[in-house]
């Protein structure tokens, strides 16, 4: 059976998730949302952000309308952190238009990336283009994507940060084969954030990189909290264990997100969301409480038996 995100969410309770129905903890209100502090500043951010690698819909009016509804819902539920990138096709431009149309820029924490391997000038030019597309002078977080050209890029990011055009800087990866180099950069550079893949399916980052981020005072943005896609097939129609309700899980999406966010080093996760019911479901993970160390080990043991 091909398990889609729609079926995957339903499998949590054997029916449409409570959050998606409008009766779950996602609707408890932004004031009750779990937030964590950015280590370098103490600024508090919600633990659920928005990944936008599927926002590159160009000028398609119907698709833009659906994404605008998703973004509006994200904002209504108290979401602030939005992660995008120039390499996500037209995502930056689409986001710039949607954010402007909704009039919510002041409420958001906008993160994007640079991936130029052509020296400082190329990085600077790409960042200026991101400003234009996102329709904002100040970018909250600028990240070097997959370490591409990081030696030349990081000094440019620091210059922008000193000029007040960028608030935070960081590096990203979603590839375990980059972990060795990623660790070296973390050891030698002062960074506000790292962004890295971490999930019940892909736990390698917890061995060295997540503890190192905690030691170095770096915020951690979790990407791929749903793993590499095989999680959907592995879970299948399995029902959530009863004990998942002890830390507020009403769907498999929340089970997976709360696992990743429960790591002490994790600051937030950025699941991709293109529909309003995705937002409702995922925001359930930002309410109640996060699993403790013993509960997270239980999640691992349960998942490993599937």
Protein backbone atom coordinates (compact mmCIF):
# COMPACT_ATOMS: atom_id res chain seq x y z
CA UNK A 1 0.00 0.00 0.00
CA UNK A 2 1.32 3.45 -0.90
CA UNK A 3 1.08 5.52 2.29
CA UNK A 4 0.52 9.22 1.66
CA UNK A 5 0.78 12.06 4.18
CA UNK A 6 -3.04 12.08 4.23
CA UNK A 7 -3.27 8.40 5.16
CA UNK A 8 -0.25 8.68 7.41
CA UNK A 9 -1.91 11.33 9.56
CA UNK A 10 -5.14 9.36 9.67
CA UNK A 11 -3.35 6.26 10.91
CA UNK A 12 -2.58 7.94 14.21
CA UNK A 13 -6.04 7.33 15.67
CA UNK A 14 -7.47 5.16 12.94
CA UNK A 15 -9.42 8.20 11.73
CA UNK A 16 -8.76 11.80 10.76
CA UNK A 17 -6.48 13.27 13.40
CA UNK A 18 -8.16 15.35 16.07
CA UNK A 19 -5.99 18.31 15.20
CA UNK A 20 -7.06 18.20 11.56
CA UNK A 21 -10.69 18.03 12.66
CA UNK A 22 -10.26 21.21 14.64
CA UNK A 23 -10.64 19.52 18.03
CA UNK A 24 -7.03 18.87 18.88
CA UNK A 25 -4.38 20.64 20.88
CA UNK A 26 -3.20 22.61 17.84
CA UNK A 27 -6.17 24.90 18.42
CA UNK A 28 -5.41 25.50 22.10
CA UNK A 29 -4.02 28.91 21.19
CA UNK A 30 -0.59 30.43 20.53
CA UNK A 31 -0.22 31.44 24.16
CA UNK A 32 0.05 27.76 25.14
CA UNK A 33 2.53 26.85 22.41
CA UNK A 34 5.87 25.28 23.31
CA UNK A 35 8.72 27.68 22.59
CA UNK A 36 12.46 27.32 22.95
CA UNK A 37 15.22 29.90 23.28
CA UNK A 38 17.80 30.66 20.61
CA UNK A 39 21.03 30.05 22.58
CA UNK A 40 22.97 33.03 21.24
CA UNK A 41 20.29 35.58 22.12
CA UNK A 42 17.63 34.09 24.35
CA UNK A 43 14.94 34.99 21.81
CA UNK A 44 12.02 32.56 22.08
CA UNK A 45 10.64 30.86 18.98
CA UNK A 46 7.85 28.30 18.47
CA UNK A 47 9.13 24.75 18.08
CA UNK A 48 7.23 24.29 14.80
CA UNK A 49 8.32 26.31 11.79
CA UNK A 50 7.43 26.09 8.12
CA UNK A 51 9.58 24.47 5.46
CA UNK A 52 8.85 25.80 1.97
CA UNK A 53 10.70 23.66 -0.55
CA UNK A 54 7.32 23.01 -2.22
CA UNK A 55 6.29 26.66 -2.43
CA UNK A 56 7.93 27.08 -5.85
CA UNK A 57 4.65 27.20 -7.76
CA UNK A 58 5.46 30.21 -9.92
CA UNK A 59 2.48 32.26 -11.06
CA UNK A 60 -0.11 29.47 -10.75
CA UNK A 61 -3.02 31.32 -9.14
CA UNK A 62 -4.84 28.30 -7.74
CA UNK A 63 -1.70 26.87 -6.16
CA UNK A 64 -0.77 30.26 -4.73
CA UNK A 65 -4.23 30.58 -3.20
CA UNK A 66 -3.84 27.23 -1.43
CA UNK A 67 -0.42 28.23 -0.14
CA UNK A 68 -1.74 31.59 1.04
CA UNK A 69 -4.43 29.78 3.05
CA UNK A 70 -1.72 27.55 4.52
CA UNK A 71 0.45 30.53 5.44
CA UNK A 72 -2.52 32.36 6.94
CA UNK A 73 -3.32 29.34 9.10
CA UNK A 74 0.33 29.06 10.15
CA UNK A 75 0.25 32.69 11.28
CA UNK A 76 -3.12 32.31 13.03
CA UNK A 77 -1.80 29.42 15.11
CA UNK A 78 1.22 31.46 16.20
CA UNK A 79 3.84 30.24 13.74
CA UNK A 80 6.74 32.58 13.08
CA UNK A 81 9.78 30.78 11.61
CA UNK A 82 9.69 30.24 7.85
CA UNK A 83 12.62 28.55 6.12
CA UNK A 84 13.19 28.92 2.39
CA UNK A 85 16.02 29.04 -0.15
CA UNK A 86 16.85 30.38 -3.64
CA UNK A 87 17.27 26.80 -4.84
CA UNK A 88 13.62 26.01 -4.03
CA UNK A 89 12.63 27.23 -7.50
CA UNK A 90 10.34 30.28 -7.09
CA UNK A 91 9.67 29.76 -3.39
CA UNK A 92 11.31 33.00 -2.25
CA UNK A 93 9.33 35.09 -4.73
CA UNK A 94 6.07 33.31 -3.93
CA UNK A 95 6.65 33.78 -0.21
CA UNK A 96 7.53 37.42 -0.69
CA UNK A 97 4.22 38.02 -2.45
CA UNK A 98 2.14 35.99 0.00
CA UNK A 99 3.69 37.57 3.08
CA UNK A 100 3.15 41.05 1.64
CA UNK A 101 -0.44 40.29 0.66
CA UNK A 102 -1.21 38.98 4.16
CA UNK A 103 0.62 41.89 5.80
CA UNK A 104 2.38 39.66 8.34
CA UNK A 105 6.11 40.32 7.79
CA UNK A 106 6.60 41.94 11.21
CA UNK A 107 5.32 38.81 12.91
CA UNK A 108 7.63 36.41 11.08
CA UNK A 109 11.16 35.07 11.46
CA UNK A 110 12.31 34.56 7.86
CA UNK A 111 15.26 32.28 7.15
CA UNK A 112 16.84 31.63 3.78
CA UNK A 113 20.11 30.33 2.39
CA UNK A 114 23.04 30.91 0.09
CA UNK A 115 24.67 28.25 -2.08
CA UNK A 116 27.15 30.05 -4.32
CA UNK A 117 30.59 28.55 -4.84
CA UNK A 118 31.87 31.54 -6.80
CA UNK A 119 33.38 33.65 -4.04
CA UNK A 120 32.24 36.51 -1.84
CA UNK A 121 30.79 38.65 -4.61
CA UNK A 122 28.55 35.83 -5.84
CA UNK A 123 27.30 35.22 -2.30
CA UNK A 124 26.61 38.91 -1.76
CA UNK A 125 24.70 39.15 -5.05
CA UNK A 126 22.59 36.10 -4.24
CA UNK A 127 21.69 37.48 -0.82
CA UNK A 128 20.63 40.80 -2.36
CA UNK A 129 18.44 38.89 -4.77
CA UNK A 130 16.87 37.06 -1.81
CA UNK A 131 16.10 40.44 -0.24
CA UNK A 132 14.35 41.48 -3.42
CA UNK A 133 12.37 38.28 -3.83
CA UNK A 134 11.34 38.14 -0.19
CA UNK A 135 10.53 41.86 -0.25
CA UNK A 136 12.43 42.50 2.97
CA UNK A 137 15.59 44.42 3.80
CA UNK A 138 16.43 42.41 6.91
CA UNK A 139 16.67 38.62 6.87
CA UNK A 140 16.35 36.95 10.25
CA UNK A 141 18.59 33.97 9.51
CA UNK A 142 20.97 33.44 6.61
CA UNK A 143 22.43 29.95 6.23
CA UNK A 144 25.10 28.40 4.02
CA UNK A 145 23.22 25.60 2.30
CA UNK A 146 24.88 22.17 2.42
CA UNK A 147 28.21 23.90 3.22
CA UNK A 148 28.52 25.05 -0.40
CA UNK A 149 31.32 27.63 -0.56
CA UNK A 150 31.20 28.14 3.20
CA UNK A 151 34.78 29.44 3.45
CA UNK A 152 33.93 32.44 1.26
CA UNK A 153 30.30 32.75 2.31
CA UNK A 154 30.58 32.96 6.10
CA UNK A 155 32.68 36.17 6.10
CA UNK A 156 30.00 37.79 3.89
CA UNK A 157 27.27 36.62 6.25
CA UNK A 158 29.17 38.16 9.16
CA UNK A 159 29.51 41.48 7.33
CA UNK A 160 25.77 41.55 6.71
CA UNK A 161 25.17 40.66 10.34
CA UNK A 162 27.38 43.53 11.50
CA UNK A 163 25.49 45.89 9.19
CA UNK A 164 22.17 44.80 10.67
CA UNK A 165 20.90 43.21 7.46
CA UNK A 166 21.03 39.68 8.89
CA UNK A 167 20.17 38.84 12.49
CA UNK A 168 21.54 35.29 12.77
CA UNK A 169 23.87 33.11 10.67
CA UNK A 170 24.26 29.37 10.28
CA UNK A 171 25.00 26.33 8.13
CA UNK A 172 22.81 23.48 6.90
CA UNK A 173 22.94 19.90 5.74
CA UNK A 174 20.57 17.01 5.26
CA UNK A 175 23.27 14.55 4.25
CA UNK A 176 25.07 12.22 6.66
CA UNK A 177 28.06 12.09 4.32
CA UNK A 178 28.70 15.76 5.14
CA UNK A 179 28.74 15.26 8.91
CA UNK A 180 32.52 15.07 9.24
CA UNK A 181 33.06 18.39 7.48
CA UNK A 182 30.01 19.84 9.23
CA UNK A 183 31.58 19.03 12.58
CA UNK A 184 34.84 20.72 11.61
CA UNK A 185 32.99 23.91 10.66
CA UNK A 186 31.02 23.83 13.91
CA UNK A 187 34.26 23.54 15.89
CA UNK A 188 36.05 26.41 14.17
CA UNK A 189 33.24 28.89 13.50
CA UNK A 190 30.95 30.83 15.83
CA UNK A 191 27.46 30.20 14.51
CA UNK A 192 23.99 31.04 15.77
CA UNK A 193 22.33 28.03 14.14
CA UNK A 194 22.89 24.74 12.49
CA UNK A 195 20.18 23.04 10.43
CA UNK A 196 20.38 19.26 10.18
CA UNK A 197 18.34 16.15 9.44
CA UNK A 198 17.21 14.18 12.47
CA UNK A 199 14.33 11.74 12.93
CA UNK A 200 13.38 8.34 14.30
CA UNK A 201 14.64 6.97 11.00
CA UNK A 202 17.83 9.07 10.76
CA UNK A 203 19.40 9.41 14.22
CA UNK A 204 23.08 9.82 13.35
CA UNK A 205 23.14 13.54 14.18
CA UNK A 206 22.53 12.71 17.84
CA UNK A 207 25.86 10.90 18.11
CA UNK A 208 28.12 13.96 17.84
CA UNK A 209 26.58 16.96 16.13
CA UNK A 210 23.59 17.67 18.35
CA UNK A 211 25.66 17.42 21.56
CA UNK A 212 28.30 19.64 19.94
CA UNK A 213 25.68 22.24 19.05
CA UNK A 214 24.58 22.30 22.70
CA UNK A 215 28.18 22.64 23.87
CA UNK A 216 28.87 25.44 21.39
CA UNK A 217 25.65 27.35 22.14
CA UNK A 218 24.17 26.90 18.67
CA UNK A 219 20.46 26.70 17.92
CA UNK A 220 19.35 23.60 16.02
CA UNK A 221 16.75 23.58 13.26
CA UNK A 222 15.61 20.04 12.51
CA UNK A 223 14.86 19.22 8.89
CA UNK A 224 13.48 15.90 7.64
CA UNK A 225 11.81 15.06 10.97
CA UNK A 226 9.68 12.64 8.94
CA UNK A 227 12.84 10.94 7.72
CA UNK A 228 13.62 10.11 4.15
CA UNK A 229 10.07 9.14 3.21
CA UNK A 230 10.32 5.47 4.14
CA UNK A 231 8.74 6.21 7.51
CA UNK A 232 5.37 6.47 5.80
CA UNK A 233 5.70 2.95 4.42
CA UNK A 234 7.14 1.56 7.65
CA UNK A 235 4.31 2.86 9.82
CA UNK A 236 1.64 1.80 7.36
CA UNK A 237 -1.72 1.44 9.10
CA UNK A 238 -0.18 0.82 12.50
CA UNK A 239 -2.09 2.57 15.29
CA UNK A 240 -0.31 4.88 17.67
CA UNK A 241 0.62 3.21 20.95
CA UNK A 242 -1.66 4.23 23.82
CA UNK A 243 1.26 5.65 25.79
CA UNK A 244 1.88 8.30 23.11
CA UNK A 245 -1.10 10.19 24.52
CA UNK A 246 0.87 10.69 27.74
CA UNK A 247 2.88 13.40 25.97
CA UNK A 248 0.02 14.68 23.85
CA UNK A 249 0.31 12.83 20.53
CA UNK A 250 -2.82 12.57 18.43
CA UNK A 251 -1.23 11.55 15.10
CA UNK A 252 1.90 9.95 13.70
CA UNK A 253 3.11 13.32 12.47
CA UNK A 254 3.04 14.62 16.04
CA UNK A 255 4.73 11.44 17.30
CA UNK A 256 7.64 11.97 14.90
CA UNK A 257 7.92 15.71 15.46
CA UNK A 258 7.82 15.40 19.24
CA UNK A 259 10.56 12.79 19.10
CA UNK A 260 12.89 15.14 17.21
CA UNK A 261 11.94 18.18 19.26
CA UNK A 262 12.40 16.25 22.49
CA UNK A 263 16.16 16.15 21.98
CA UNK A 264 17.60 18.72 24.41
CA UNK A 265 19.64 20.41 21.67
CA UNK A 266 16.72 20.87 19.26
CA UNK A 267 15.32 24.39 18.96
CA UNK A 268 12.63 23.84 16.32
CA UNK A 269 11.62 21.71 13.35
CA UNK A 270 10.50 22.90 9.91
CA UNK A 271 8.16 20.32 8.35
CA UNK A 272 6.92 21.12 4.88
CA UNK A 273 3.28 22.23 4.88
CA UNK A 274 1.25 23.07 1.80
CA UNK A 275 -2.28 22.53 3.15
CA UNK A 276 -4.15 23.91 6.13
CA UNK A 277 -4.76 20.48 7.64
CA UNK A 278 -0.99 19.86 7.59
CA UNK A 279 -0.59 22.99 9.71
CA UNK A 280 -3.29 21.94 12.17
CA UNK A 281 -1.82 18.47 12.53
CA UNK A 282 1.82 19.53 12.87
CA UNK A 283 1.04 22.29 15.33
CA UNK A 284 -0.34 19.65 17.66
CA UNK A 285 3.31 18.81 18.31
CA UNK A 286 3.82 22.33 19.70
CA UNK A 287 1.31 21.76 22.49
CA UNK A 288 1.15 19.61 25.58
CA UNK A 289 4.68 18.54 26.44
CA UNK A 290 7.65 16.94 24.76
CA UNK A 291 8.74 13.38 25.60
CA UNK A 292 11.50 12.99 28.17
CA UNK A 293 14.62 10.89 27.63
CA UNK A 294 13.01 7.65 28.79
CA UNK A 295 9.95 8.23 26.62
CA UNK A 296 12.12 9.00 23.60
CA UNK A 297 13.98 5.70 24.11
CA UNK A 298 10.59 4.02 24.20
CA UNK A 299 9.70 5.71 20.92
CA UNK A 300 12.91 4.40 19.38
CA UNK A 301 12.32 0.87 20.61
CA UNK A 302 8.74 0.92 19.32
CA UNK A 303 9.74 2.27 15.92
CA UNK A 304 12.56 -0.25 15.56
CA UNK A 305 10.11 -3.13 15.94
CA UNK A 306 7.85 -2.00 13.10
